[in-house]
């Protein structure tokens, strides 16, 4: 029962994140991704990911393509 509730909450948050990513993509025409970052769903643009990699947030050697493979949703 507890697992079902967690899955329902995750599904609701995922749908909300996808809508947010689509909305941002429609406004700015950038590629947005929904990622799990520190156990939370985050909507991040590809440009922001490049800045995070440059600042050292991710491990050394991590590329944008690696992060795109792990993304739950990518706008086109």
N, C-alpha and C. Protein backbone atom coordinates (compact mmCIF):
# COMPACT_ATOMS: atom_id res chain seq x y z
N UNK A 1 0.82 -1.19 0.00
CA UNK A 1 0.00 0.00 0.00
C UNK A 1 0.87 1.26 0.00
N UNK A 2 1.90 1.24 0.83
CA UNK A 2 2.79 2.39 0.91
C UNK A 2 3.50 2.61 -0.41
N UNK A 3 3.91 1.53 -1.07
CA UNK A 3 4.59 1.63 -2.36
C UNK A 3 3.65 2.21 -3.42
N UNK A 4 2.39 1.84 -3.39
CA UNK A 4 1.41 2.36 -4.33
C UNK A 4 1.25 3.87 -4.18
N UNK A 5 1.20 4.33 -2.96
CA UNK A 5 1.06 5.77 -2.70
C UNK A 5 2.29 6.51 -3.22
N UNK A 6 3.48 5.95 -2.98
CA UNK A 6 4.71 6.58 -3.47
C UNK A 6 4.72 6.65 -5.00
N UNK A 7 4.25 5.58 -5.67
CA UNK A 7 4.21 5.57 -7.12
C UNK A 7 3.20 6.58 -7.66
N UNK A 8 2.06 6.73 -6.99
CA UNK A 8 1.07 7.72 -7.41
C UNK A 8 1.61 9.14 -7.27
N UNK A 9 2.29 9.41 -6.18
CA UNK A 9 2.87 10.73 -5.97
C UNK A 9 3.95 11.00 -7.01
N UNK A 10 4.80 10.01 -7.29
CA UNK A 10 5.84 10.18 -8.31
C UNK A 10 5.21 10.44 -9.68
N UNK A 11 4.14 9.71 -10.01
CA UNK A 11 3.46 9.90 -11.29
C UNK A 11 2.89 11.30 -11.42
N UNK A 12 2.29 11.80 -10.35
CA UNK A 12 1.74 13.15 -10.36
C UNK A 12 2.84 14.18 -10.54
N UNK A 13 3.96 14.03 -9.83
CA UNK A 13 5.07 14.97 -9.94
C UNK A 13 5.72 14.90 -11.32
N UNK A 14 5.80 13.69 -11.88
CA UNK A 14 6.38 13.53 -13.21
C UNK A 14 5.53 14.24 -14.26
N UNK A 15 4.21 14.06 -14.20
CA UNK A 15 3.33 14.73 -15.16
C UNK A 15 3.47 16.25 -15.06
N UNK A 16 3.57 16.74 -13.84
CA UNK A 16 3.70 18.18 -13.62
C UNK A 16 5.03 18.69 -14.19
N UNK A 17 6.10 17.91 -14.01
CA UNK A 17 7.41 18.29 -14.53
C UNK A 17 7.43 18.28 -16.05
N UNK A 18 6.75 17.30 -16.66
CA UNK A 18 6.69 17.23 -18.12
C UNK A 18 5.94 18.45 -18.67
N UNK A 19 4.84 18.82 -18.04
CA UNK A 19 4.10 20.00 -18.48
C UNK A 19 4.95 21.26 -18.36
N UNK A 20 5.70 21.34 -17.28
CA UNK A 20 6.57 22.49 -17.06
C UNK A 20 7.66 22.55 -18.14
N UNK A 21 8.25 21.41 -18.47
CA UNK A 21 9.29 21.36 -19.49
C UNK A 21 8.72 21.75 -20.86
N UNK A 22 7.54 21.25 -21.18
CA UNK A 22 6.92 21.60 -22.46
C UNK A 22 6.60 23.09 -22.54
N UNK A 23 6.14 23.64 -21.42
CA UNK A 23 5.82 25.07 -21.38
C UNK A 23 7.08 25.91 -21.59
N UNK A 24 8.16 25.56 -20.90
CA UNK A 24 9.41 26.30 -21.06
C UNK A 24 9.95 26.17 -22.48
N UNK A 25 9.84 24.97 -23.06
CA UNK A 25 10.32 24.75 -24.42
C UNK A 25 9.53 25.61 -25.41
N UNK A 26 8.23 25.70 -25.19
CA UNK A 26 7.39 26.50 -26.07
C UNK A 26 7.76 27.98 -26.00
N UNK A 27 8.15 28.46 -24.82
CA UNK A 27 8.48 29.87 -24.63
C UNK A 27 9.89 30.18 -25.16
N UNK A 28 10.89 29.36 -24.80
CA UNK A 28 12.29 29.70 -25.10
C UNK A 28 12.88 28.96 -26.29
N UNK A 29 12.23 27.90 -26.75
CA UNK A 29 12.71 27.06 -27.87
C UNK A 29 14.05 26.40 -27.56
N UNK A 30 14.30 26.11 -26.30
CA UNK A 30 15.48 25.36 -25.90
C UNK A 30 15.07 23.92 -25.60
N UNK A 31 16.06 23.04 -25.55
CA UNK A 31 15.80 21.65 -25.20
C UNK A 31 15.80 21.52 -23.68
N UNK A 32 14.70 21.01 -23.12
CA UNK A 32 14.58 20.83 -21.68
C UNK A 32 14.49 19.34 -21.37
N UNK A 33 15.01 18.98 -20.19
CA UNK A 33 15.01 17.59 -19.75
C UNK A 33 14.47 17.49 -18.33
N UNK A 34 13.78 16.39 -18.06
CA UNK A 34 13.33 16.09 -16.70
C UNK A 34 14.30 15.07 -16.14
N UNK A 35 14.98 15.44 -15.06
CA UNK A 35 16.00 14.60 -14.45
C UNK A 35 15.67 14.35 -12.99
N UNK A 36 16.16 13.24 -12.47
CA UNK A 36 16.12 13.01 -11.03
C UNK A 36 17.44 13.51 -10.48
N UNK A 37 17.38 14.56 -9.70
CA UNK A 37 18.57 15.22 -9.17
C UNK A 37 18.38 15.38 -7.67
N UNK A 38 19.21 14.70 -6.87
CA UNK A 38 19.08 14.69 -5.42
C UNK A 38 17.70 14.21 -4.98
N UNK A 39 17.22 13.13 -5.60
CA UNK A 39 15.95 12.47 -5.31
C UNK A 39 14.73 13.36 -5.58
N UNK A 40 14.89 14.36 -6.44
CA UNK A 40 13.78 15.23 -6.82
C UNK A 40 13.77 15.35 -8.33
N UNK A 41 12.58 15.54 -8.88
CA UNK A 41 12.46 15.76 -10.31
C UNK A 41 12.75 17.22 -10.60
N UNK A 42 13.67 17.45 -11.53
CA UNK A 42 14.02 18.81 -11.88
C UNK A 42 13.91 18.99 -13.39
N UNK A 43 13.47 20.17 -13.79
CA UNK A 43 13.40 20.54 -15.20
C UNK A 43 14.59 21.44 -15.47
N UNK A 44 15.48 20.99 -16.36
CA UNK A 44 16.72 21.71 -16.62
C UNK A 44 16.92 21.81 -18.12
N UNK A 45 17.37 22.97 -18.58
CA UNK A 45 17.65 23.13 -20.00
C UNK A 45 19.04 22.57 -20.31
N UNK A 46 19.27 22.31 -21.57
CA UNK A 46 20.56 21.77 -21.99
C UNK A 46 21.67 22.79 -21.72
N UNK A 47 21.35 24.06 -21.87
CA UNK A 47 22.32 25.12 -21.58
C UNK A 47 22.70 25.12 -20.10
N UNK A 48 21.73 24.94 -19.23
CA UNK A 48 22.01 24.90 -17.79
C UNK A 48 22.86 23.68 -17.43
N UNK A 49 22.65 22.57 -18.12
CA UNK A 49 23.44 21.37 -17.87
C UNK A 49 24.90 21.62 -18.25
N UNK A 50 25.11 22.30 -19.36
CA UNK A 50 26.48 22.64 -19.76
C UNK A 50 27.16 23.49 -18.68
N UNK A 51 26.42 24.44 -18.10
CA UNK A 51 26.99 25.27 -17.04
C UNK A 51 27.28 24.46 -15.78
N UNK A 52 26.40 23.51 -15.44
CA UNK A 52 26.61 22.66 -14.27
C UNK A 52 27.85 21.78 -14.46
N UNK A 53 28.05 21.28 -15.65
CA UNK A 53 29.24 20.46 -15.92
C UNK A 53 30.49 21.32 -15.81
N UNK A 54 30.44 22.54 -16.33
CA UNK A 54 31.60 23.43 -16.27
C UNK A 54 31.93 23.83 -14.83
N UNK A 55 30.90 23.94 -13.99
CA UNK A 55 31.12 24.33 -12.59
C UNK A 55 31.59 23.17 -11.72
N UNK A 56 31.52 21.95 -12.23
CA UNK A 56 31.98 20.80 -11.47
C UNK A 56 30.93 20.12 -10.64
N UNK A 57 29.65 20.35 -10.95
CA UNK A 57 28.58 19.70 -10.20
C UNK A 57 28.57 18.20 -10.46
N UNK A 58 28.86 17.80 -11.68
CA UNK A 58 28.90 16.39 -12.04
C UNK A 58 30.34 15.89 -12.02
N UNK A 59 30.50 14.58 -12.02
CA UNK A 59 31.84 14.00 -12.02
C UNK A 59 32.63 14.42 -13.25
N UNK A 60 33.92 14.43 -13.09
CA UNK A 60 34.79 14.77 -14.21
C UNK A 60 34.64 13.72 -15.30
N UNK A 61 34.50 14.16 -16.53
CA UNK A 61 34.33 13.24 -17.65
C UNK A 61 32.88 13.05 -18.06
N UNK A 62 31.94 13.56 -17.28
CA UNK A 62 30.53 13.46 -17.63
C UNK A 62 30.21 14.43 -18.76
N UNK A 63 29.48 13.95 -19.75
CA UNK A 63 29.12 14.80 -20.88
C UNK A 63 27.61 15.03 -20.90
N UNK A 64 27.20 15.94 -21.75
CA UNK A 64 25.78 16.24 -21.90
C UNK A 64 25.04 15.02 -22.44
N UNK A 65 25.70 14.26 -23.32
CA UNK A 65 25.07 13.07 -23.90
C UNK A 65 24.81 12.02 -22.82
N UNK A 66 25.72 11.89 -21.84
CA UNK A 66 25.50 10.94 -20.74
C UNK A 66 24.26 11.32 -19.94
N UNK A 67 24.10 12.59 -19.70
CA UNK A 67 22.96 13.06 -18.92
C UNK A 67 21.67 12.92 -19.72
N UNK A 68 21.73 13.16 -21.03
CA UNK A 68 20.55 12.99 -21.87
C UNK A 68 20.07 11.54 -21.89
N UNK A 69 20.99 10.59 -21.83
CA UNK A 69 20.62 9.18 -21.80
C UNK A 69 19.85 8.84 -20.53
N UNK A 70 20.19 9.50 -19.42
CA UNK A 70 19.56 9.21 -18.14
C UNK A 70 18.30 10.04 -17.88
N UNK A 71 18.01 10.99 -18.77
CA UNK A 71 16.84 11.86 -18.59
C UNK A 71 15.57 11.03 -18.73
N UNK A 72 14.57 11.37 -17.92
CA UNK A 72 13.29 10.69 -17.99
C UNK A 72 12.44 11.20 -19.13
N UNK A 73 12.63 12.47 -19.47
CA UNK A 73 11.85 13.08 -20.56
C UNK A 73 12.68 14.18 -21.19
N UNK A 74 12.63 14.27 -22.52
CA UNK A 74 13.36 15.30 -23.26
C UNK A 74 12.39 15.97 -24.25
N UNK A 75 12.37 17.29 -24.23
CA UNK A 75 11.53 18.00 -25.19
C UNK A 75 12.22 18.04 -26.54
N UNK A 76 11.46 18.13 -27.59
CA UNK A 76 12.02 18.21 -28.94
C UNK A 76 11.56 19.45 -29.64
